[in-house]
PDB file of all heavy atoms in Angstrom:
ATOM      1  N   ILE A   1      16.558   0.361   5.363  1.00  0.00           N
ATOM      2  CA  ILE A   1      17.041   1.716   5.639  1.00  0.00           C
ATOM      3  C   ILE A   1      18.272   2.021   4.796  1.00  0.00           C
ATOM      4  O   ILE A   1      18.358   3.075   4.147  1.00  0.00           O
ATOM      5  CB  ILE A   1      17.341   1.893   7.134  1.00  0.00           C
ATOM      6  CG1 ILE A   1      16.055   1.792   7.950  1.00  0.00           C
ATOM      7  CG2 ILE A   1      18.013   3.241   7.397  1.00  0.00           C
ATOM      8  CD1 ILE A   1      16.276   1.748   9.452  1.00  0.00           C
ATOM      9  N   VAL A   2      19.239   1.107   4.794  1.00  0.00           N
ATOM     10  CA  VAL A   2      20.476   1.330   4.042  1.00  0.00           C
ATOM     11  C   VAL A   2      20.188   1.497   2.548  1.00  0.00           C
ATOM     12  O   VAL A   2      20.684   2.432   1.905  1.00  0.00           O
ATOM     13  CB  VAL A   2      21.461   0.167   4.263  1.00  0.00           C
ATOM     14  CG1 VAL A   2      22.627   0.253   3.269  1.00  0.00           C
ATOM     15  CG2 VAL A   2      22.002   0.196   5.681  1.00  0.00           C
ATOM     16  N   PHE A   3      19.387   0.612   1.990  1.00  0.00           N
ATOM     17  CA  PHE A   3      19.110   0.679   0.558  1.00  0.00           C
ATOM     18  C   PHE A   3      18.280   1.925   0.199  1.00  0.00           C
ATOM     19  O   PHE A   3      18.486   2.532  -0.852  1.00  0.00           O
ATOM     20  CB  PHE A   3      18.399  -0.584   0.089  1.00  0.00           C
ATOM     21  CG  PHE A   3      19.277  -1.808   0.068  1.00  0.00           C
ATOM     22  CD1 PHE A   3      18.741  -3.072   0.287  1.00  0.00           C
ATOM     23  CD2 PHE A   3      20.637  -1.705  -0.160  1.00  0.00           C
ATOM     24  CE1 PHE A   3      19.542  -4.208   0.268  1.00  0.00           C
ATOM     25  CE2 PHE A   3      21.449  -2.832  -0.176  1.00  0.00           C
ATOM     26  CZ  PHE A   3      20.908  -4.087   0.039  1.00  0.00           C
ATOM     27  N   CYS A   4      17.342   2.304   1.069  1.00  0.00           N
ATOM     28  CA  CYS A   4      16.570   3.523   0.809  1.00  0.00           C
ATOM     29  C   CYS A   4      17.470   4.757   0.847  1.00  0.00           C
ATOM     30  O   CYS A   4      17.354   5.649  -0.002  1.00  0.00           O
ATOM     31  CB  CYS A   4      15.431   3.670   1.815  1.00  0.00           C
ATOM     32  SG  CYS A   4      13.974   2.662   1.451  1.00  0.00           S
ATOM     33  N   VAL A   5      18.376   4.802   1.813  1.00  0.00           N
ATOM     34  CA  VAL A   5      19.310   5.931   1.902  1.00  0.00           C
ATOM     35  C   VAL A   5      20.163   6.007   0.636  1.00  0.00           C
ATOM     36  O   VAL A   5      20.391   7.087   0.074  1.00  0.00           O
ATOM     37  CB  VAL A   5      20.188   5.811   3.161  1.00  0.00           C
ATOM     38  CG1 VAL A   5      21.378   6.772   3.090  1.00  0.00           C
ATOM     39  CG2 VAL A   5      19.361   6.100   4.409  1.00  0.00           C
ATOM     40  N   LEU A   6      20.643   4.851   0.175  1.00  0.00           N
ATOM     41  CA  LEU A   6      21.449   4.816  -1.049  1.00  0.00           C
ATOM     42  C   LEU A   6      20.673   5.374  -2.232  1.00  0.00           C
ATOM     43  O   LEU A   6      21.183   6.217  -2.993  1.00  0.00           O
ATOM     44  CB  LEU A   6      21.872   3.373  -1.335  1.00  0.00           C
ATOM     45  CG  LEU A   6      22.545   3.114  -2.687  1.00  0.00           C
ATOM     46  CD1 LEU A   6      23.854   3.883  -2.800  1.00  0.00           C
ATOM     47  CD2 LEU A   6      22.784   1.617  -2.887  1.00  0.00           C
ATOM     48  N   HIS A   7      19.438   4.934  -2.404  1.00  0.00           N
ATOM     49  CA  HIS A   7      18.656   5.380  -3.552  1.00  0.00           C
ATOM     50  C   HIS A   7      18.193   6.824  -3.405  1.00  0.00           C
ATOM     51  O   HIS A   7      18.033   7.528  -4.406  1.00  0.00           O
ATOM     52  CB  HIS A   7      17.480   4.434  -3.782  1.00  0.00           C
ATOM     53  CG  HIS A   7      17.900   3.069  -4.221  1.00  0.00           C
ATOM     54  ND1 HIS A   7      18.666   2.844  -5.341  1.00  0.00           N
ATOM     55  CD2 HIS A   7      17.697   1.834  -3.676  1.00  0.00           C
ATOM     56  CE1 HIS A   7      18.893   1.557  -5.488  1.00  0.00           C
ATOM     57  NE2 HIS A   7      18.317   0.922  -4.484  1.00  0.00           N
ATOM     58  N   LEU A   8      17.990   7.278  -2.182  1.00  0.00           N
ATOM     59  CA  LEU A   8      17.700   8.697  -1.987  1.00  0.00           C
ATOM     60  C   LEU A   8      18.861   9.546  -2.497  1.00  0.00           C
ATOM     61  O   LEU A   8      18.659  10.572  -3.159  1.00  0.00           O
ATOM     62  CB  LEU A   8      17.443   8.991  -0.502  1.00  0.00           C
ATOM     63  CG  LEU A   8      16.092   8.541   0.060  1.00  0.00           C
ATOM     64  CD1 LEU A   8      16.062   8.729   1.574  1.00  0.00           C
ATOM     65  CD2 LEU A   8      14.931   9.304  -0.579  1.00  0.00           C
ATOM     66  N   GLU A   9      20.074   9.118  -2.186  1.00  0.00           N
ATOM     67  CA  GLU A   9      21.245   9.844  -2.668  1.00  0.00           C
ATOM     68  C   GLU A   9      21.319   9.806  -4.194  1.00  0.00           C
ATOM     69  O   GLU A   9      21.666  10.805  -4.838  1.00  0.00           O
ATOM     70  CB  GLU A   9      22.511   9.263  -2.059  1.00  0.00           C
ATOM     71  CG  GLU A   9      22.648   9.531  -0.567  1.00  0.00           C
ATOM     72  CD  GLU A   9      23.944   8.993   0.018  1.00  0.00           C
ATOM     73  OE1 GLU A   9      24.698   8.320  -0.724  1.00  0.00           O
ATOM     74  OE2 GLU A   9      24.202   9.260   1.210  1.00  0.00           O
ATOM     75  N   ASN A  10      20.994   8.661  -4.788  1.00  0.00           N
ATOM     76  CA  ASN A  10      21.032   8.540  -6.245  1.00  0.00           C
ATOM     77  C   ASN A  10      20.060   9.506  -6.920  1.00  0.00           C
ATOM     78  O   ASN A  10      20.309   9.960  -8.046  1.00  0.00           O
ATOM     79  CB  ASN A  10      20.707   7.104  -6.667  1.00  0.00           C
ATOM     80  CG  ASN A  10      21.819   6.125  -6.339  1.00  0.00           C
ATOM     81  OD1 ASN A  10      22.970   6.528  -6.141  1.00  0.00           O
ATOM     82  ND2 ASN A  10      21.497   4.838  -6.272  1.00  0.00           N
ATOM     83  N   TYR A  11      18.947   9.780  -6.233  1.00  0.00           N
ATOM     84  CA  TYR A  11      17.958  10.712  -6.780  1.00  0.00           C
ATOM     85  C   TYR A  11      18.143  12.137  -6.255  1.00  0.00           C
ATOM     86  O   TYR A  11      17.262  12.987  -6.421  1.00  0.00           O
ATOM     87  CB  TYR A  11      16.540  10.217  -6.465  1.00  0.00           C
ATOM     88  CG  TYR A  11      16.054   9.167  -7.430  1.00  0.00           C
ATOM     89  CD1 TYR A  11      16.262   7.812  -7.186  1.00  0.00           C
ATOM     90  CD2 TYR A  11      15.401   9.525  -8.611  1.00  0.00           C
ATOM     91  CE1 TYR A  11      15.818   6.838  -8.071  1.00  0.00           C
ATOM     92  CE2 TYR A  11      14.958   8.566  -9.502  1.00  0.00           C
ATOM     93  CZ  TYR A  11      15.167   7.221  -9.234  1.00  0.00           C
ATOM     94  OH  TYR A  11      14.735   6.266 -10.128  1.00  0.00           O
ATOM     95  N   LYS A  12      19.284  12.385  -5.638  1.00  0.00           N
ATOM     96  CA  LYS A  12      19.654  13.730  -5.165  1.00  0.00           C
ATOM     97  C   LYS A  12      18.729  14.256  -4.067  1.00  0.00           C
ATOM     98  O   LYS A  12      18.529  15.467  -3.936  1.00  0.00           O
ATOM     99  CB  LYS A  12      19.685  14.731  -6.331  1.00  0.00           C
ATOM    100  CG  LYS A  12      20.475  14.268  -7.535  1.00  0.00           C
ATOM    101  CD  LYS A  12      21.918  13.974  -7.188  1.00  0.00           C
ATOM    102  CE  LYS A  12      22.690  13.529  -8.428  1.00  0.00           C
ATOM    103  NZ  LYS A  12      24.081  13.102  -8.118  1.00  0.00           N
ATOM    104  N   PHE A  13      18.178  13.344  -3.278  1.00  0.00           N
ATOM    105  CA  PHE A  13      17.403  13.749  -2.112  1.00  0.00           C
ATOM    106  C   PHE A  13      18.326  13.874  -0.903  1.00  0.00           C
ATOM    107  O   PHE A  13      19.354  13.191  -0.818  1.00  0.00           O
ATOM    108  CB  PHE A  13      16.324  12.710  -1.773  1.00  0.00           C
ATOM    109  CG  PHE A  13      15.156  12.684  -2.713  1.00  0.00           C
ATOM    110  CD1 PHE A  13      14.958  11.596  -3.562  1.00  0.00           C
ATOM    111  CD2 PHE A  13      14.242  13.728  -2.753  1.00  0.00           C
ATOM    112  CE1 PHE A  13      13.879  11.547  -4.422  1.00  0.00           C
ATOM    113  CE2 PHE A  13      13.155  13.693  -3.619  1.00  0.00           C
ATOM    114  CZ  PHE A  13      12.976  12.601  -4.454  1.00  0.00           C
ATOM    115  N   ILE A  14      17.945  14.697   0.031  1.00  0.00           N
ATOM    116  CA  ILE A  14      18.610  14.758   1.329  1.00  0.00           C
ATOM    117  C   ILE A  14      17.754  13.979   2.311  1.00  0.00           C
ATOM    118  O   ILE A  14      16.549  14.222   2.428  1.00  0.00           O
ATOM    119  CB  ILE A  14      18.764  16.213   1.810  1.00  0.00           C
ATOM    120  CG1 ILE A  14      19.687  16.983   0.866  1.00  0.00           C
ATOM    121  CG2 ILE A  14      19.307  16.256   3.236  1.00  0.00           C
ATOM    122  CD1 ILE A  14      19.793  18.461   1.208  1.00  0.00           C
ATOM    123  N   ARG A  15      18.339  13.044   3.017  1.00  0.00           N
ATOM    124  CA  ARG A  15      17.580  12.258   3.986  1.00  0.00           C
ATOM    125  C   ARG A  15      17.478  13.002   5.305  1.00  0.00           C
ATOM    126  O   ARG A  15      18.402  13.704   5.721  1.00  0.00           O
ATOM    127  CB  ARG A  15      18.219  10.891   4.204  1.00  0.00           C
ATOM    128  CG  ARG A  15      19.569  10.926   4.890  1.00  0.00           C
ATOM    129  CD  ARG A  15      20.149   9.514   4.964  1.00  0.00           C
ATOM    130  NE  ARG A  15      21.425   9.469   5.658  1.00  0.00           N
ATOM    131  CZ  ARG A  15      22.591   9.751   5.106  1.00  0.00           C
ATOM    132  NH1 ARG A  15      22.639  10.136   3.839  1.00  0.00           N
ATOM    133  NH2 ARG A  15      23.708   9.667   5.808  1.00  0.00           N
ATOM    134  N   SER A  16      16.352  12.852   5.954  1.00  0.00           N
ATOM    135  CA  SER A  16      16.122  13.450   7.268  1.00  0.00           C
ATOM    136  C   SER A  16      15.723  12.333   8.227  1.00  0.00           C
ATOM    137  O   SER A  16      14.561  11.939   8.274  1.00  0.00           O
ATOM    138  CB  SER A  16      15.019  14.509   7.191  1.00  0.00           C
ATOM    139  OG  SER A  16      14.772  15.083   8.463  1.00  0.00           O
ATOM    140  N   PRO A  17      16.687  11.778   8.996  1.00  0.00           N
ATOM    141  CA  PRO A  17      16.384  10.663   9.895  1.00  0.00           C
ATOM    142  C   PRO A  17      15.409  11.071  11.001  1.00  0.00           C
ATOM    143  O   PRO A  17      15.571  12.120  11.633  1.00  0.00           O
ATOM    144  CB  PRO A  17      17.746  10.286  10.476  1.00  0.00           C
ATOM    145  CG  PRO A  17      18.747  10.887   9.555  1.00  0.00           C
ATOM    146  CD  PRO A  17      18.110  12.129   9.031  1.00  0.00           C
ATOM    147  N   ILE A  18      14.408  10.238  11.232  1.00  0.00           N
ATOM    148  CA  ILE A  18      13.379  10.497  12.244  1.00  0.00           C
ATOM    149  C   ILE A  18      13.426   9.379  13.276  1.00  0.00           C
ATOM    150  O   ILE A  18      13.463   8.198  12.916  1.00  0.00           O
ATOM    151  CB  ILE A  18      11.988  10.573  11.598  1.00  0.00           C
ATOM    152  CG1 ILE A  18      11.939  11.720  10.576  1.00  0.00           C
ATOM    153  CG2 ILE A  18      10.904  10.742  12.662  1.00  0.00           C
ATOM    154  CD1 ILE A  18      10.691  11.704   9.714  1.00  0.00           C
ATOM    155  N   THR A  19      13.416   9.739  14.541  1.00  0.00           N
ATOM    156  CA  THR A  19      13.492   8.742  15.601  1.00  0.00           C
ATOM    157  C   THR A  19      12.281   8.826  16.524  1.00  0.00           C
ATOM    158  O   THR A  19      11.521   9.794  16.504  1.00  0.00           O
ATOM    159  CB  THR A  19      14.756   8.946  16.450  1.00  0.00           C
ATOM    160  OG1 THR A  19      14.715  10.240  17.077  1.00  0.00           O
ATOM    161  CG2 THR A  19      16.011   8.849  15.607  1.00  0.00           C
ATOM    162  N   TYR A  20      12.118   7.809  17.315  1.00  0.00           N
ATOM    163  CA  TYR A  20      11.120   7.795  18.382  1.00  0.00           C
ATOM    164  C   TYR A  20      11.647   6.849  19.456  1.00  0.00           C
ATOM    165  O   TYR A  20      12.623   6.105  19.221  1.00  0.00           O
ATOM    166  CB  TYR A  20       9.753   7.319  17.863  1.00  0.00           C
ATOM    167  CG  TYR A  20       9.761   5.906  17.344  1.00  0.00           C
ATOM    168  CD1 TYR A  20       9.447   4.825  18.163  1.00  0.00           C
ATOM    169  CD2 TYR A  20      10.119   5.642  16.024  1.00  0.00           C
ATOM    170  CE1 TYR A  20       9.494   3.529  17.683  1.00  0.00           C
ATOM    171  CE2 TYR A  20      10.170   4.346  15.540  1.00  0.00           C
ATOM    172  CZ  TYR A  20       9.852   3.299  16.380  1.00  0.00           C
ATOM    173  OH  TYR A  20       9.914   2.016  15.916  1.00  0.00           O
ATOM    174  N   LYS A  21      11.054   6.854  20.606  1.00  0.00           N
ATOM    175  CA  LYS A  21      11.526   6.013  21.696  1.00  0.00           C
ATOM    176  C   LYS A  21      11.130   4.568  21.442  1.00  0.00           C
ATOM    177  O   LYS A  21       9.954   4.236  21.368  1.00  0.00           O
ATOM    178  CB  LYS A  21      10.946   6.488  23.034  1.00  0.00           C
ATOM    179  CG  LYS A  21      11.516   5.745  24.235  1.00  0.00           C
ATOM    180  CD  LYS A  21      10.979   6.313  25.544  1.00  0.00           C
ATOM    181  CE  LYS A  21      11.568   5.567  26.743  1.00  0.00           C
ATOM    182  NZ  LYS A  21      11.063   6.112  28.025  1.00  0.00           N
ATOM    183  N   VAL A  22      12.132   3.698  21.325  1.00  0.00           N
ATOM    184  CA  VAL A  22      11.901   2.284  21.067  1.00  0.00           C
ATOM    185  C   VAL A  22      12.101   1.500  22.354  1.00  0.00           C
ATOM    186  O   VAL A  22      13.132   1.638  23.028  1.00  0.00           O
ATOM    187  CB  VAL A  22      12.871   1.756  19.986  1.00  0.00           C
ATOM    188  CG1 VAL A  22      12.616   0.281  19.718  1.00  0.00           C
ATOM    189  CG2 VAL A  22      12.727   2.563  18.707  1.00  0.00           C
ATOM    190  N   SER A  23      11.125   0.683  22.707  1.00  0.00           N
ATOM    191  CA  SER A  23      11.243  -0.120  23.919  1.00  0.00           C
ATOM    192  C   SER A  23      12.112  -1.345  23.675  1.00  0.00           C
ATOM    193  O   SER A  23      12.122  -1.908  22.580  1.00  0.00           O
ATOM    194  CB  SER A  23       9.853  -0.554  24.409  1.00  0.00           C
ATOM    195  OG  SER A  23       9.210  -1.358  23.441  1.00  0.00           O
ATOM    196  N   ASN A  24      12.860  -1.747  24.708  1.00  0.00           N
ATOM    197  CA  ASN A  24      13.682  -2.964  24.668  1.00  0.00           C
ATOM    198  C   ASN A  24      14.648  -2.993  23.487  1.00  0.00           C
ATOM    199  O   ASN A  24      14.842  -4.026  22.844  1.00  0.00           O
ATOM    200  CB  ASN A  24      12.788  -4.213  24.614  1.00  0.00           C
ATOM    201  CG  ASN A  24      11.826  -4.298  25.795  1.00  0.00           C
ATOM    202  OD1 ASN A  24      12.204  -4.030  26.926  1.00  0.00           O
ATOM    203  ND2 ASN A  24      10.580  -4.641  25.516  1.00  0.00           N
ATOM    204  N   LEU A  25      15.261  -1.835  23.206  1.00  0.00           N
ATOM    205  CA  LEU A  25      16.202  -1.763  22.091  1.00  0.00           C
ATOM    206  C   LEU A  25      17.604  -2.133  22.573  1.00  0.00           C
ATOM    207  O   LEU A  25      18.179  -1.442  23.412  1.00  0.00           O
ATOM    208  CB  LEU A  25      16.219  -0.359  21.487  1.00  0.00           C
ATOM    209  CG  LEU A  25      17.086  -0.166  20.249  1.00  0.00           C
ATOM    210  CD1 LEU A  25      16.521  -0.975  19.091  1.00  0.00           C
ATOM    211  CD2 LEU A  25      17.173   1.311  19.875  1.00  0.00           C
ATOM    212  N   PRO A  26      18.181  -3.238  22.082  1.00  0.00           N
ATOM    213  CA  PRO A  26      19.532  -3.624  22.485  1.00  0.00           C
ATOM    214  C   PRO A  26      20.543  -2.522  22.161  1.00  0.00           C
ATOM    215  O   PRO A  26      20.414  -1.861  21.112  1.00  0.00           O
ATOM    216  CB  PRO A  26      19.801  -4.887  21.659  1.00  0.00           C
ATOM    217  CG  PRO A  26      18.448  -5.398  21.298  1.00  0.00           C
ATOM    218  CD  PRO A  26      17.593  -4.184  21.128  1.00  0.00           C
ATOM    219  N   PRO A  27      21.534  -2.317  23.010  1.00  0.00           N
ATOM    220  CA  PRO A  27      22.528  -1.255  22.782  1.00  0.00           C
ATOM    221  C   PRO A  27      23.217  -1.351  21.431  1.00  0.00           C
ATOM    222  O   PRO A  27      23.488  -0.332  20.795  1.00  0.00           O
ATOM    223  CB  PRO A  27      23.521  -1.455  23.937  1.00  0.00           C
ATOM    224  CG  PRO A  27      22.737  -2.143  24.999  1.00  0.00           C
ATOM    225  CD  PRO A  27      21.762  -3.023  24.289  1.00  0.00           C
ATOM    226  N   GLU A  28      23.486  -2.584  20.983  1.00  0.00           N
ATOM    227  CA  GLU A  28      24.187  -2.731  19.706  1.00  0.00           C
ATOM    228  C   GLU A  28      23.307  -2.288  18.536  1.00  0.00           C
ATOM    229  O   GLU A  28      23.800  -1.779  17.528  1.00  0.00           O
ATOM    230  CB  GLU A  28      24.647  -4.176  19.496  1.00  0.00           C
ATOM    231  CG  GLU A  28      23.552  -5.230  19.437  1.00  0.00           C
ATOM    232  CD  GLU A  28      23.170  -5.777  20.807  1.00  0.00           C
ATOM    233  OE1 GLU A  28      23.501  -5.133  21.829  1.00  0.00           O
ATOM    234  OE2 GLU A  28      22.555  -6.856  20.854  1.00  0.00           O
ATOM    235  N   ILE A  29      21.995  -2.472  18.675  1.00  0.00           N
ATOM    236  CA  ILE A  29      21.082  -2.014  17.621  1.00  0.00           C
ATOM    237  C   ILE A  29      20.989  -0.488  17.635  1.00  0.00           C
ATOM    238  O   ILE A  29      20.951   0.155  16.581  1.00  0.00           O
ATOM    239  CB  ILE A  29      19.683  -2.631  17.790  1.00  0.00           C
ATOM    240  CG1 ILE A  29      19.764  -4.155  17.698  1.00  0.00           C
ATOM    241  CG2 ILE A  29      18.725  -2.091  16.746  1.00  0.00           C
ATOM    242  CD1 ILE A  29      20.258  -4.664  16.358  1.00  0.00           C
ATOM    243  N   ALA A  30      20.959   0.095  18.819  1.00  0.00           N
ATOM    244  CA  ALA A  30      20.944   1.556  18.926  1.00  0.00           C
ATOM    245  C   ALA A  30      22.188   2.155  18.283  1.00  0.00           C
ATOM    246  O   ALA A  30      22.123   3.170  17.576  1.00  0.00           O
ATOM    247  CB  ALA A  30      20.852   1.971  20.392  1.00  0.00           C
ATOM    248  N   ALA A  31      23.344   1.519  18.519  1.00  0.00           N
ATOM    249  CA  ALA A  31      24.586   1.993  17.924  1.00  0.00           C
ATOM    250  C   ALA A  31      24.539   1.884  16.399  1.00  0.00           C
ATOM    251  O   ALA A  31      24.993   2.780  15.678  1.00  0.00           O
ATOM    252  CB  ALA A  31      25.761   1.193  18.475  1.00  0.00           C
ATOM    253  N   LEU A  32      23.970   0.783  15.908  1.00  0.00           N
ATOM    254  CA  LEU A  32      23.834   0.597  14.467  1.00  0.00           C
ATOM    255  C   LEU A  32      22.955   1.681  13.860  1.00  0.00           C
ATOM    256  O   LEU A  32      23.279   2.234  12.798  1.00  0.00           O
ATOM    257  CB  LEU A  32      23.244  -0.782  14.174  1.00  0.00           C
ATOM    258  CG  LEU A  32      22.876  -1.077  12.706  1.00  0.00           C
ATOM    259  CD1 LEU A  32      24.115  -1.027  11.831  1.00  0.00           C
ATOM    260  CD2 LEU A  32      22.187  -2.430  12.591  1.00  0.00           C
ATOM    261  N   GLU A  33      21.849   2.009  14.517  1.00  0.00           N
ATOM    262  CA  GLU A  33      20.947   3.033  13.984  1.00  0.00           C
ATOM    263  C   GLU A  33      21.613   4.398  13.957  1.00  0.00           C
ATOM    264  O   GLU A  33      21.387   5.191  13.034  1.00  0.00           O
ATOM    265  CB  GLU A  33      19.652   3.054  14.795  1.00  0.00           C
ATOM    266  CG  GLU A  33      18.801   1.807  14.558  1.00  0.00           C
ATOM    267  CD  GLU A  33      17.516   1.804  15.353  1.00  0.00           C
ATOM    268  OE1 GLU A  33      17.334   2.705  16.187  1.00  0.00           O
ATOM    269  OE2 GLU A  33      16.692   0.889  15.144  1.00  0.00           O
ATOM    270  N   ASN A  34      22.443   4.686  14.949  1.00  0.00           N
ATOM    271  CA  ASN A  34      23.188   5.946  14.935  1.00  0.00           C
ATOM    272  C   ASN A  34      24.134   5.994  13.745  1.00  0.00           C
ATOM    273  O   ASN A  34      24.293   7.029  13.089  1.00  0.00           O
ATOM    274  CB  ASN A  34      23.971   6.116  16.240  1.00  0.00           C
ATOM    275  CG  ASN A  34      23.081   6.441  17.420  1.00  0.00           C
ATOM    276  OD1 ASN A  34      21.996   6.989  17.249  1.00  0.00           O
ATOM    277  ND2 ASN A  34      23.521   6.102  18.623  1.00  0.00           N
ATOM    278  N   ASP A  35      24.779   4.861  13.458  1.00  0.00           N
ATOM    279  CA  ASP A  35      25.676   4.797  12.304  1.00  0.00           C
ATOM    280  C   ASP A  35      24.907   4.971  11.002  1.00  0.00           C
ATOM    281  O   ASP A  35      25.385   5.617  10.062  1.00  0.00           O
ATOM    282  CB  ASP A  35      26.411   3.450  12.277  1.00  0.00           C
ATOM    283  CG  ASP A  35      27.486   3.349  13.347  1.00  0.00           C
ATOM    284  OD1 ASP A  35      27.894   4.404  13.876  1.00  0.00           O
ATOM    285  OD2 ASP A  35      27.912   2.220  13.656  1.00  0.00           O
ATOM    286  N   LEU A  36      23.691   4.408  10.940  1.00  0.00           N
ATOM    287  CA  LEU A  36      22.891   4.520   9.725  1.00  0.00           C
ATOM    288  C   LEU A  36      22.453   5.958   9.477  1.00  0.00           C
ATOM    289  O   LEU A  36      22.387   6.406   8.334  1.00  0.00           O
ATOM    290  CB  LEU A  36      21.663   3.602   9.821  1.00  0.00           C
ATOM    291  CG  LEU A  36      21.913   2.094   9.766  1.00  0.00           C
ATOM    292  CD1 LEU A  36      20.606   1.344   9.980  1.00  0.00           C
ATOM    293  CD2 LEU A  36      22.540   1.692   8.449  1.00  0.00           C
ATOM    294  N   SER A  37      22.152   6.682  10.542  1.00  0.00           N
ATOM    295  CA  SER A  37      21.665   8.052  10.383  1.00  0.00           C
ATOM    296  C   SER A  37      22.748   8.953   9.805  1.00  0.00           C
ATOM    297  O   SER A  37      22.527   9.731   8.885  1.00  0.00           O
ATOM    298  CB  SER A  37      21.198   8.608  11.735  1.00  0.00           C
ATOM    299  OG  SER A  37      20.060   7.925  12.191  1.00  0.00           O
ATOM    300  N   ARG A  38      23.940   8.878  10.370  1.00  0.00           N
ATOM    301  CA  ARG A  38      25.078   9.659   9.900  1.00  0.00           C
ATOM    302  C   ARG A  38      24.857  11.163   9.907  1.00  0.00           C
ATOM    303  O   ARG A  38      25.594  11.911   9.274  1.00  0.00           O
ATOM    304  CB  ARG A  38      25.467   9.227   8.477  1.00  0.00           C
ATOM    305  CG  ARG A  38      25.983   7.818   8.364  1.00  0.00           C
ATOM    306  CD  ARG A  38      27.452   7.741   8.683  1.00  0.00           C
ATOM    307  NE  ARG A  38      27.959   6.390   8.702  1.00  0.00           N
ATOM    308  CZ  ARG A  38      29.226   6.087   8.489  1.00  0.00           C
ATOM    309  NH1 ARG A  38      30.085   7.038   8.236  1.00  0.00           N
ATOM    310  NH2 ARG A  38      29.622   4.837   8.542  1.00  0.00           N
ATOM    311  N   GLN A  39      23.815  11.598  10.558  1.00  0.00           N
ATOM    312  CA  GLN A  39      23.555  13.026  10.686  1.00  0.00           C
ATOM    313  C   GLN A  39      22.535  13.240  11.800  1.00  0.00           C
ATOM    314  O   GLN A  39      21.997  12.285  12.351  1.00  0.00           O
ATOM    315  CB  GLN A  39      23.039  13.608   9.375  1.00  0.00           C
ATOM    316  CG  GLN A  39      21.718  13.055   8.889  1.00  0.00           C
ATOM    317  CD  GLN A  39      21.387  13.515   7.484  1.00  0.00           C
ATOM    318  OE1 GLN A  39      21.965  13.071   6.521  1.00  0.00           O
ATOM    319  NE2 GLN A  39      20.450  14.437   7.375  1.00  0.00           N
ATOM    320  N   GLN A  40      22.293  14.475  12.147  1.00  0.00           N
ATOM    321  CA  GLN A  40      21.395  14.787  13.251  1.00  0.00           C
ATOM    322  C   GLN A  40      19.977  14.311  12.946  1.00  0.00           C
ATOM    323  O   GLN A  40      19.398  14.653  11.915  1.00  0.00           O
ATOM    324  CB  GLN A  40      21.375  16.303  13.508  1.00  0.00           C
ATOM    325  CG  GLN A  40      20.535  16.720  14.713  1.00  0.00           C
ATOM    326  CD  GLN A  40      21.053  16.141  16.014  1.00  0.00           C
ATOM    327  OE1 GLN A  40      22.245  16.190  16.284  1.00  0.00           O
ATOM    328  NE2 GLN A  40      20.170  15.578  16.823  1.00  0.00           N
ATOM    329  N   ASP A  41      19.444  13.509  13.860  1.00  0.00           N
ATOM    330  CA  ASP A  41      18.074  13.046  13.650  1.00  0.00           C
ATOM    331  C   ASP A  41      17.091  13.919  14.420  1.00  0.00           C
ATOM    332  O   ASP A  41      17.471  14.739  15.244  1.00  0.00           O
ATOM    333  CB  ASP A  41      17.916  11.572  14.050  1.00  0.00           C
ATOM    334  CG  ASP A  41      18.522  11.271  15.417  1.00  0.00           C
ATOM    335  OD1 ASP A  41      18.388  12.121  16.319  1.00  0.00           O
ATOM    336  OD2 ASP A  41      19.141  10.213  15.589  1.00  0.00           O
ATOM    337  N   VAL A  42      15.813  13.739  14.113  1.00  0.00           N
ATOM    338  CA  VAL A  42      14.747  14.548  14.713  1.00  0.00           C
ATOM    339  C   VAL A  42      13.729  13.615  15.337  1.00  0.00           C
ATOM    340  O   VAL A  42      13.334  12.612  14.729  1.00  0.00           O
ATOM    341  CB  VAL A  42      14.061  15.435  13.649  1.00  0.00           C
ATOM    342  CG1 VAL A  42      12.975  16.298  14.294  1.00  0.00           C
ATOM    343  CG2 VAL A  42      15.085  16.313  12.935  1.00  0.00           C
ATOM    344  N   ASP A  43      13.298  13.929  16.549  1.00  0.00           N
ATOM    345  CA  ASP A  43      12.260  13.118  17.190  1.00  0.00           C
ATOM    346  C   ASP A  43      10.951  13.266  16.425  1.00  0.00           C
ATOM    347  O   ASP A  43      10.619  14.349  15.915  1.00  0.00           O
ATOM    348  CB  ASP A  43      12.066  13.562  18.644  1.00  0.00           C
ATOM    349  CG  ASP A  43      11.098  12.651  19.386  1.00  0.00           C
ATOM    350  OD1 ASP A  43      11.545  11.612  19.892  1.00  0.00           O
ATOM    351  OD2 ASP A  43       9.899  12.989  19.451  1.00  0.00           O
TER     352      ASP A  43
END
């Protein structure tokens, strides 16, 4: 995810984070994914 976001920026793309309900997702991983998105995500 991090490397794809970096290269999307290099190619002047705007990223659109997409989410879905993940079962058994540890809170620390959820927090990490929020940090990775850095913008409003869409279900």
